[in-house]
Amino acid sequence: MITGLIIIHVLICIGLILGILLQSGKGSDLGAAFGGSSQTLFGSTGAMPFLNKLTAGVAIGFMLTSLSLAFIASRVPKSSIMEGKAKTQQEMPVQAGEQPGVPTGAPPE
């Protein structure tokens, strides 16, 4: 479920980036006044109302997927490498004449 939600989230992110980049800035209307209009495909107002609504919808989807991913991530049981159940060996002091790592009752090799 998390993998599917992440894939949807990435697709929404790409759509949001494209929606924002396709919008024209505030100064584009001034350029059309001097050099004619190339926005006749979408009507007199151009594609701005459609792109604004598309961007707003994708932004809402982005927020919803972000919140749901954060909620799911907070509910997953946490495990840490630092809290592992690694057993440590206590080091015993080595007495004079003993070899480290060799049991005291075993003869040396």
Protein backbone atom coordinates (compact mmCIF):
# COMPACT_ATOMS: atom_id res chain seq x y z
CA MET A 1 0.00 0.00 0.00
CA ILE A 2 2.83 2.36 0.85
CA THR A 3 4.57 1.64 -2.45
CA GLY A 4 1.44 2.43 -4.44
CA LEU A 5 0.92 5.65 -2.51
CA ILE A 6 4.52 6.69 -3.11
CA ILE A 7 4.13 6.06 -6.86
CA ILE A 8 0.95 8.16 -6.93
CA HIS A 9 2.72 10.87 -4.92
CA VAL A 10 5.64 11.00 -7.37
CA LEU A 11 3.26 11.24 -10.35
CA ILE A 12 1.38 14.06 -8.64
CA CYS A 13 4.69 15.83 -7.97
CA ILE A 14 5.60 15.64 -11.65
CA GLY A 15 2.14 16.92 -12.60
CA LEU A 16 2.45 19.80 -10.15
CA ILE A 17 5.83 20.80 -11.54
CA LEU A 18 4.54 20.70 -15.11
CA GLY A 19 1.39 22.63 -14.19
CA ILE A 20 3.40 25.39 -12.57
CA LEU A 21 5.93 25.61 -15.39
CA LEU A 22 3.23 25.80 -18.07
CA GLN A 23 1.64 28.86 -16.53
CA SER A 24 2.72 32.19 -17.86
CA GLY A 25 3.92 35.03 -15.68
CA LYS A 26 2.14 38.31 -14.99
CA GLY A 27 4.16 40.17 -17.61
CA SER A 28 3.04 37.98 -20.52
CA ASP A 29 -0.12 40.02 -21.14
CA LEU A 30 1.92 43.14 -21.78
CA GLY A 31 3.92 41.37 -24.49
CA ALA A 32 0.74 40.24 -26.24
CA ALA A 33 -0.50 43.83 -26.39
CA PHE A 34 2.46 44.89 -28.54
CA GLY A 35 2.99 41.81 -30.68
CA GLY A 36 -0.43 40.30 -31.29
CA SER A 37 -2.02 37.38 -29.51
CA SER A 38 -1.04 33.76 -29.78
CA GLN A 39 -3.64 32.59 -27.26
CA THR A 40 -6.51 32.09 -29.72
CA LEU A 41 -6.47 28.32 -29.18
CA PHE A 42 -8.00 28.57 -25.70
CA GLY A 43 -10.16 31.62 -26.32
CA SER A 44 -9.66 35.24 -25.37
CA THR A 45 -8.56 34.49 -21.81
CA GLY A 46 -6.14 31.78 -22.89
CA ALA A 47 -5.45 28.61 -20.95
CA MET A 48 -4.99 30.35 -17.62
CA PRO A 49 -8.32 29.46 -15.96
CA PHE A 50 -7.88 25.81 -16.95
CA LEU A 51 -4.24 25.69 -15.81
CA ASN A 52 -5.10 27.48 -12.56
CA LYS A 53 -7.79 24.92 -11.74
CA LEU A 54 -5.55 22.03 -12.79
CA THR A 55 -2.69 23.29 -10.64
CA ALA A 56 -4.99 23.81 -7.65
CA GLY A 57 -6.38 20.29 -7.99
CA VAL A 58 -2.94 18.73 -8.28
CA ALA A 59 -1.73 20.79 -5.30
CA ILE A 60 -4.62 19.46 -3.20
CA GLY A 61 -3.73 15.91 -4.27
CA PHE A 62 -0.11 16.57 -3.33
CA MET A 63 -1.10 17.75 0.13
CA LEU A 64 -3.39 14.77 0.70
CA THR A 65 -0.79 12.21 -0.36
CA SER A 66 1.87 13.98 1.74
CA LEU A 67 -0.35 13.90 4.83
CA SER A 68 -1.31 10.28 4.30
CA LEU A 69 2.33 9.22 3.81
CA ALA A 70 3.30 11.09 6.98
CA PHE A 71 0.46 9.45 8.90
CA ILE A 72 1.38 5.97 7.67
CA ALA A 73 5.06 6.54 8.46
CA SER A 74 4.22 7.57 12.01
CA ARG A 75 2.18 4.40 12.59
CA VAL A 76 4.89 1.96 11.47
CA PRO A 77 6.68 0.33 14.41
CA LYS A 78 10.06 1.87 14.82
CA SER A 79 13.19 -0.23 14.92
CA SER A 80 16.65 1.09 15.20
CA ILE A 81 20.05 -0.38 14.55
CA MET A 82 21.20 1.09 17.84
CA GLU A 83 18.49 -0.77 19.76
CA GLY A 84 19.39 -4.14 18.28
CA LYS A 85 19.79 -7.25 20.38
CA ALA A 86 23.47 -7.67 19.77
CA LYS A 87 25.15 -9.62 22.52
CA THR A 88 28.41 -8.26 23.71
CA GLN A 89 31.09 -10.38 25.31
CA GLN A 90 32.46 -9.15 28.53
CA GLU A 91 36.18 -9.13 28.47
CA MET A 92 37.82 -10.95 31.31
CA PRO A 93 41.17 -9.75 32.52
CA VAL A 94 44.04 -11.84 31.23
CA GLN A 95 46.27 -13.20 33.97
CA ALA A 96 49.98 -13.50 33.57
CA GLY A 97 50.92 -16.67 31.70
CA GLU A 98 47.50 -17.19 30.01
CA GLN A 99 46.84 -16.79 26.32
CA PRO A 100 43.86 -14.60 25.45
CA GLY A 101 40.98 -16.49 23.87
CA VAL A 102 42.06 -19.92 25.11
CA PRO A 103 40.02 -21.47 27.90
CA THR A 104 42.02 -21.97 31.06
CA GLY A 105 41.50 -25.74 31.26
CA ALA A 106 42.43 -26.46 27.61
CA PRO A 107 46.02 -27.20 26.67
CA PRO A 108 47.64 -24.77 24.21
CA GLU A 109 47.99 -25.96 20.64
